[in-house]
C-alpha atoms as a PDB file:
ATOM      1  CA  UNK A   1      61.600 -58.259-125.886  1.00  0.00           C
ATOM      2  CA  UNK A   2      58.445 -56.632-124.489  1.00  0.00           C
ATOM      3  CA  UNK A   3      56.693 -59.994-124.129  1.00  0.00           C
ATOM      4  CA  UNK A   4      59.663 -61.548-122.307  1.00  0.00           C
ATOM      5  CA  UNK A   5      59.974 -58.561-119.991  1.00  0.00           C
ATOM      6  CA  UNK A   6      56.247 -58.607-119.281  1.00  0.00           C
ATOM      7  CA  UNK A   7      56.323 -62.334-118.535  1.00  0.00           C
ATOM      8  CA  UNK A   8      59.256 -61.839-116.171  1.00  0.00           C
ATOM      9  CA  UNK A   9      57.374 -59.147-114.278  1.00  0.00           C
ATOM     10  CA  UNK A  10      54.205 -61.253-114.241  1.00  0.00           C
ATOM     11  CA  UNK A  11      56.151 -64.273-113.033  1.00  0.00           C
ATOM     12  CA  UNK A  12      57.643 -62.280-110.190  1.00  0.00           C
ATOM     13  CA  UNK A  13      54.263 -60.817-109.292  1.00  0.00           C
ATOM     14  CA  UNK A  14      52.357 -64.103-109.429  1.00  0.00           C
ATOM     15  CA  UNK A  15      54.922 -66.453-107.985  1.00  0.00           C
ATOM     16  CA  UNK A  16      56.723 -64.013-105.719  1.00  0.00           C
ATOM     17  CA  UNK A  17      54.278 -61.518-104.350  1.00  0.00           C
ATOM     18  CA  UNK A  18      50.952 -63.405-104.516  1.00  0.00           C
ATOM     19  CA  UNK A  19      52.328 -66.675-103.140  1.00  0.00           C
ATOM     20  CA  UNK A  20      54.303 -64.794-100.471  1.00  0.00           C
ATOM     21  CA  UNK A  21      50.986 -64.174 -98.771  1.00  0.00           C
ATOM     22  CA  UNK A  22      50.974 -67.812 -97.713  1.00  0.00           C
ATOM     23  CA  UNK A  23      54.236 -67.194 -95.862  1.00  0.00           C
ATOM     24  CA  UNK A  24      52.769 -64.028 -94.331  1.00  0.00           C
ATOM     25  CA  UNK A  25      49.807 -66.093 -93.210  1.00  0.00           C
ATOM     26  CA  UNK A  26      52.006 -68.565 -91.353  1.00  0.00           C
ATOM     27  CA  UNK A  27      53.328 -65.746 -89.149  1.00  0.00           C
ATOM     28  CA  UNK A  28      49.922 -65.369 -87.514  1.00  0.00           C
ATOM     29  CA  UNK A  29      48.842 -67.103 -84.312  1.00  0.00           C
ATOM     30  CA  UNK A  30      46.879 -69.823 -86.142  1.00  0.00           C
ATOM     31  CA  UNK A  31      48.854 -69.310 -89.324  1.00  0.00           C
ATOM     32  CA  UNK A  32      49.884 -72.866 -90.087  1.00  0.00           C
ATOM     33  CA  UNK A  33      46.347 -74.196 -89.762  1.00  0.00           C
ATOM     34  CA  UNK A  34      45.103 -71.244 -91.855  1.00  0.00           C
ATOM     35  CA  UNK A  35      47.664 -71.940 -94.583  1.00  0.00           C
ATOM     36  CA  UNK A  36      46.900 -75.673 -94.642  1.00  0.00           C
ATOM     37  CA  UNK A  37      43.170 -74.888 -94.708  1.00  0.00           C
ATOM     38  CA  UNK A  38      43.681 -72.474 -97.605  1.00  0.00           C
ATOM     39  CA  UNK A  39      45.744 -74.875 -99.719  1.00  0.00           C
ATOM     40  CA  UNK A  40      43.346 -77.781 -99.079  1.00  0.00           C
ATOM     41  CA  UNK A  41      40.326 -75.649 -99.905  1.00  0.00           C
ATOM     42  CA  UNK A  42      41.840 -74.292-103.117  1.00  0.00           C
ATOM     43  CA  UNK A  43      42.616 -77.802-104.330  1.00  0.00           C
ATOM     44  CA  UNK A  44      39.107 -78.963-103.369  1.00  0.00           C
ATOM     45  CA  UNK A  45      37.731 -75.998-105.308  1.00  0.00           C
ATOM     46  CA  UNK A  46      39.529 -77.159-108.448  1.00  0.00           C
ATOM     47  CA  UNK A  47      38.201 -80.692-107.982  1.00  0.00           C
ATOM     48  CA  UNK A  48      34.662 -79.434-107.307  1.00  0.00           C
ATOM     49  CA  UNK A  49      34.660 -77.174-110.378  1.00  0.00           C
ATOM     50  CA  UNK A  50      35.954 -80.007-112.559  1.00  0.00           C
ATOM     51  CA  UNK A  51      33.463 -82.525-111.122  1.00  0.00           C
ATOM     52  CA  UNK A  52      30.521 -80.133-111.347  1.00  0.00           C
ATOM     53  CA  UNK A  53      31.454 -79.263-114.920  1.00  0.00           C
ATOM     54  CA  UNK A  54      31.690 -82.920-115.934  1.00  0.00           C
ATOM     55  CA  UNK A  55      28.425 -83.893-114.240  1.00  0.00           C
ATOM     56  CA  UNK A  56      26.257 -80.878-114.986  1.00  0.00           C
ATOM     57  CA  UNK A  57      28.180 -78.686-117.437  1.00  0.00           C
ATOM     58  CA  UNK A  58      26.155 -77.445-120.379  1.00  0.00           C
ATOM     59  CA  UNK A  59      27.007 -73.750-120.699  1.00  0.00           C
ATOM     60  CA  UNK A  60      30.604 -72.802-121.456  1.00  0.00           C
ATOM     61  CA  UNK A  61      31.890 -69.946-119.361  1.00  0.00           C
ATOM     62  CA  UNK A  62      34.595 -68.540-121.642  1.00  0.00           C
ATOM     63  CA  UNK A  63      35.406 -71.053-124.411  1.00  0.00           C
ATOM     64  CA  UNK A  64      38.229 -68.992-125.936  1.00  0.00           C
ATOM     65  CA  UNK A  65      40.143 -68.856-122.643  1.00  0.00           C
ATOM     66  CA  UNK A  66      39.223 -72.100-120.914  1.00  0.00           C
ATOM     67  CA  UNK A  67      37.174 -74.354-123.205  1.00  0.00           C
ATOM     68  CA  UNK A  68      36.153 -76.863-120.521  1.00  0.00           C
ATOM     69  CA  UNK A  69      35.080 -74.414-117.802  1.00  0.00           C
ATOM     70  CA  UNK A  70      31.300 -74.225-117.420  1.00  0.00           C
ATOM     71  CA  UNK A  71      28.938 -72.035-115.431  1.00  0.00           C
ATOM     72  CA  UNK A  72      27.485 -75.163-113.831  1.00  0.00           C
ATOM     73  CA  UNK A  73      30.946 -76.232-112.652  1.00  0.00           C
ATOM     74  CA  UNK A  74      31.538 -72.782-111.159  1.00  0.00           C
ATOM     75  CA  UNK A  75      28.175 -72.844-109.374  1.00  0.00           C
ATOM     76  CA  UNK A  76      28.852 -76.374-108.105  1.00  0.00           C
ATOM     77  CA  UNK A  77      32.245 -75.308-106.745  1.00  0.00           C
ATOM     78  CA  UNK A  78      30.680 -72.261-105.088  1.00  0.00           C
ATOM     79  CA  UNK A  79      28.241 -74.443-103.138  1.00  0.00           C
ATOM     80  CA  UNK A  80      30.917 -77.059-102.416  1.00  0.00           C
ATOM     81  CA  UNK A  81      33.401 -74.495-101.056  1.00  0.00           C
ATOM     82  CA  UNK A  82      30.868 -73.059 -98.641  1.00  0.00           C
ATOM     83  CA  UNK A  83      30.066 -76.588 -97.424  1.00  0.00           C
ATOM     84  CA  UNK A  84      33.749 -77.550 -97.179  1.00  0.00           C
ATOM     85  CA  UNK A  85      34.546 -74.309 -95.342  1.00  0.00           C
ATOM     86  CA  UNK A  86      32.055 -75.300 -92.649  1.00  0.00           C
ATOM     87  CA  UNK A  87      33.268 -78.927 -92.617  1.00  0.00           C
ATOM     88  CA  UNK A  88      36.909 -77.835 -92.111  1.00  0.00           C
ATOM     89  CA  UNK A  89      36.005 -74.958 -89.812  1.00  0.00           C
ATOM     90  CA  UNK A  90      38.182 -76.458 -87.058  1.00  0.00           C
ATOM     91  CA  UNK A  91      41.214 -75.102 -88.956  1.00  0.00           C
ATOM     92  CA  UNK A  92      39.895 -71.537 -88.630  1.00  0.00           C
ATOM     93  CA  UNK A  93      38.397 -71.650 -85.111  1.00  0.00           C
ATOM     94  CA  UNK A  94      38.227 -67.897 -84.515  1.00  0.00           C
ATOM     95  CA  UNK A  95      36.030 -67.227 -87.565  1.00  0.00           C
ATOM     96  CA  UNK A  96      32.324 -66.486 -87.083  1.00  0.00           C
ATOM     97  CA  UNK A  97      29.791 -68.300 -89.278  1.00  0.00           C
ATOM     98  CA  UNK A  98      29.381 -65.357 -91.666  1.00  0.00           C
ATOM     99  CA  UNK A  99      33.183 -65.196 -92.050  1.00  0.00           C
ATOM    100  CA  UNK A 100      33.353 -68.925 -92.827  1.00  0.00           C
ATOM    101  CA  UNK A 101      30.689 -68.351 -95.488  1.00  0.00           C
ATOM    102  CA  UNK A 102      32.704 -65.426 -96.889  1.00  0.00           C
ATOM    103  CA  UNK A 103      35.884 -67.533 -96.968  1.00  0.00           C
ATOM    104  CA  UNK A 104      34.102 -70.249 -98.969  1.00  0.00           C
ATOM    105  CA  UNK A 105      32.943 -67.640-101.473  1.00  0.00           C
ATOM    106  CA  UNK A 106      36.382 -65.978-101.617  1.00  0.00           C
ATOM    107  CA  UNK A 107      38.082 -69.281-102.337  1.00  0.00           C
ATOM    108  CA  UNK A 108      35.615 -70.298-105.036  1.00  0.00           C
ATOM    109  CA  UNK A 109      35.461 -66.954-106.847  1.00  0.00           C
ATOM    110  CA  UNK A 110      39.148 -66.105-106.410  1.00  0.00           C
ATOM    111  CA  UNK A 111      40.164 -69.597-107.474  1.00  0.00           C
ATOM    112  CA  UNK A 112      38.131 -69.295-110.659  1.00  0.00           C
ATOM    113  CA  UNK A 113      39.750 -65.957-111.535  1.00  0.00           C
ATOM    114  CA  UNK A 114      43.234 -67.339-110.830  1.00  0.00           C
ATOM    115  CA  UNK A 115      42.573 -70.325-113.064  1.00  0.00           C
ATOM    116  CA  UNK A 116      41.175 -68.142-115.855  1.00  0.00           C
ATOM    117  CA  UNK A 117      44.132 -65.755-115.607  1.00  0.00           C
ATOM    118  CA  UNK A 118      46.707 -68.507-116.137  1.00  0.00           C
ATOM    119  CA  UNK A 119      44.557 -70.010-118.913  1.00  0.00           C
ATOM    120  CA  UNK A 120      44.449 -66.605-120.606  1.00  0.00           C
ATOM    121  CA  UNK A 121      48.232 -66.266-120.392  1.00  0.00           C
ATOM    122  CA  UNK A 122      48.691 -69.783-121.803  1.00  0.00           C
ATOM    123  CA  UNK A 123      46.331 -69.070-124.718  1.00  0.00           C
ATOM    124  CA  UNK A 124      48.100 -65.787-125.414  1.00  0.00           C
ATOM    125  CA  UNK A 125      51.458 -67.607-125.539  1.00  0.00           C
ATOM    126  CA  UNK A 126      49.978 -70.461-127.620  1.00  0.00           C
ATOM    127  CA  UNK A 127      51.049 -73.142-125.154  1.00  0.00           C
ATOM    128  CA  UNK A 128      48.996 -75.995-123.784  1.00  0.00           C
ATOM    129  CA  UNK A 129      50.902 -76.781-120.595  1.00  0.00           C
ATOM    130  CA  UNK A 130      53.065 -74.656-118.290  1.00  0.00           C
ATOM    131  CA  UNK A 131      55.364 -77.630-117.741  1.00  0.00           C
ATOM    132  CA  UNK A 132      55.754 -81.379-118.106  1.00  0.00           C
ATOM    133  CA  UNK A 133      56.213 -82.357-114.450  1.00  0.00           C
ATOM    134  CA  UNK A 134      52.625 -83.648-114.187  1.00  0.00           C
ATOM    135  CA  UNK A 135      51.679 -84.993-117.652  1.00  0.00           C
ATOM    136  CA  UNK A 136      48.099 -84.268-118.698  1.00  0.00           C
ATOM    137  CA  UNK A 137      47.529 -81.731-115.930  1.00  0.00           C
ATOM    138  CA  UNK A 138      48.823 -78.579-117.597  1.00  0.00           C
ATOM    139  CA  UNK A 139      52.016 -78.471-115.574  1.00  0.00           C
ATOM    140  CA  UNK A 140      52.796 -77.724-111.955  1.00  0.00           C
ATOM    141  CA  UNK A 141      51.512 -74.135-112.177  1.00  0.00           C
ATOM    142  CA  UNK A 142      48.057 -75.436-113.095  1.00  0.00           C
ATOM    143  CA  UNK A 143      47.926 -77.182-109.723  1.00  0.00           C
ATOM    144  CA  UNK A 144      48.388 -73.850-107.962  1.00  0.00           C
ATOM    145  CA  UNK A 145      46.971 -71.257-110.367  1.00  0.00           C
ATOM    146  CA  UNK A 146      43.817 -70.884-108.303  1.00  0.00           C
ATOM    147  CA  UNK A 147      45.937 -69.927-105.314  1.00  0.00           C
ATOM    148  CA  UNK A 148      47.301 -66.877-107.164  1.00  0.00           C
ATOM    149  CA  UNK A 149      44.395 -64.597-106.266  1.00  0.00           C
ATOM    150  CA  UNK A 150      43.041 -66.462-103.268  1.00  0.00           C
ATOM    151  CA  UNK A 151      46.182 -66.276-101.102  1.00  0.00           C
ATOM    152  CA  UNK A 152      46.371 -62.460-100.896  1.00  0.00           C
ATOM    153  CA  UNK A 153      42.596 -62.035-100.551  1.00  0.00           C
ATOM    154  CA  UNK A 154      42.381 -64.637 -97.765  1.00  0.00           C
ATOM    155  CA  UNK A 155      45.408 -63.158 -96.012  1.00  0.00           C
ATOM    156  CA  UNK A 156      44.060 -59.614 -96.052  1.00  0.00           C
ATOM    157  CA  UNK A 157      40.558 -60.763 -95.077  1.00  0.00           C
ATOM    158  CA  UNK A 158      42.033 -62.586 -92.088  1.00  0.00           C
ATOM    159  CA  UNK A 159      44.337 -59.699 -91.203  1.00  0.00           C
ATOM    160  CA  UNK A 160      41.490 -57.193 -91.360  1.00  0.00           C
ATOM    161  CA  UNK A 161      39.225 -59.105 -89.001  1.00  0.00           C
ATOM    162  CA  UNK A 162      41.866 -60.658 -86.758  1.00  0.00           C
ATOM    163  CA  UNK A 163      44.616 -58.059 -86.465  1.00  0.00           C
ATOM    164  CA  UNK A 164      45.195 -59.172 -82.861  1.00  0.00           C
ATOM    165  CA  UNK A 165      46.498 -62.503 -84.152  1.00  0.00           C
ATOM    166  CA  UNK A 166      49.505 -60.705 -85.592  1.00  0.00           C
ATOM    167  CA  UNK A 167      50.682 -59.642 -82.160  1.00  0.00           C
ATOM    168  CA  UNK A 168      51.053 -63.198 -80.896  1.00  0.00           C
ATOM    169  CA  UNK A 169      54.612 -64.044 -79.924  1.00  0.00           C
END
């Protein structure tokens, strides 16, 4: 009973409140481009971490939680996200260079924590996949688990520095 109640609360928190920040983001002046930028970058972060881990991975990050995640993959994704943030800077035109750098770091670090959080929950529940919609990919939630922490952090970062964008009609 306690586990089911806890999972219900976690599900509401993760899927409801954390992902709602994407909707909040779209209410800003450049909100749609910010949201598209965020989703693209989070998916690129997953690809970069996977690629970096496969190419250079030697040191496991946390084998009990996520056996294939390596420190080299995380470092590779960190560098890649900063580069991609500058490449796709046109989607966040009002950001200064230091803010673009910060966004790349936020997406990489937040994405890693989101991925590890869902992996931890899956290990605790003794399940391999969160669904069967995408076979071999851990389920649909594994495609968006990195977005769990990144969406609210990116939203509040943007809101803090660009509060004037919220007053656009």
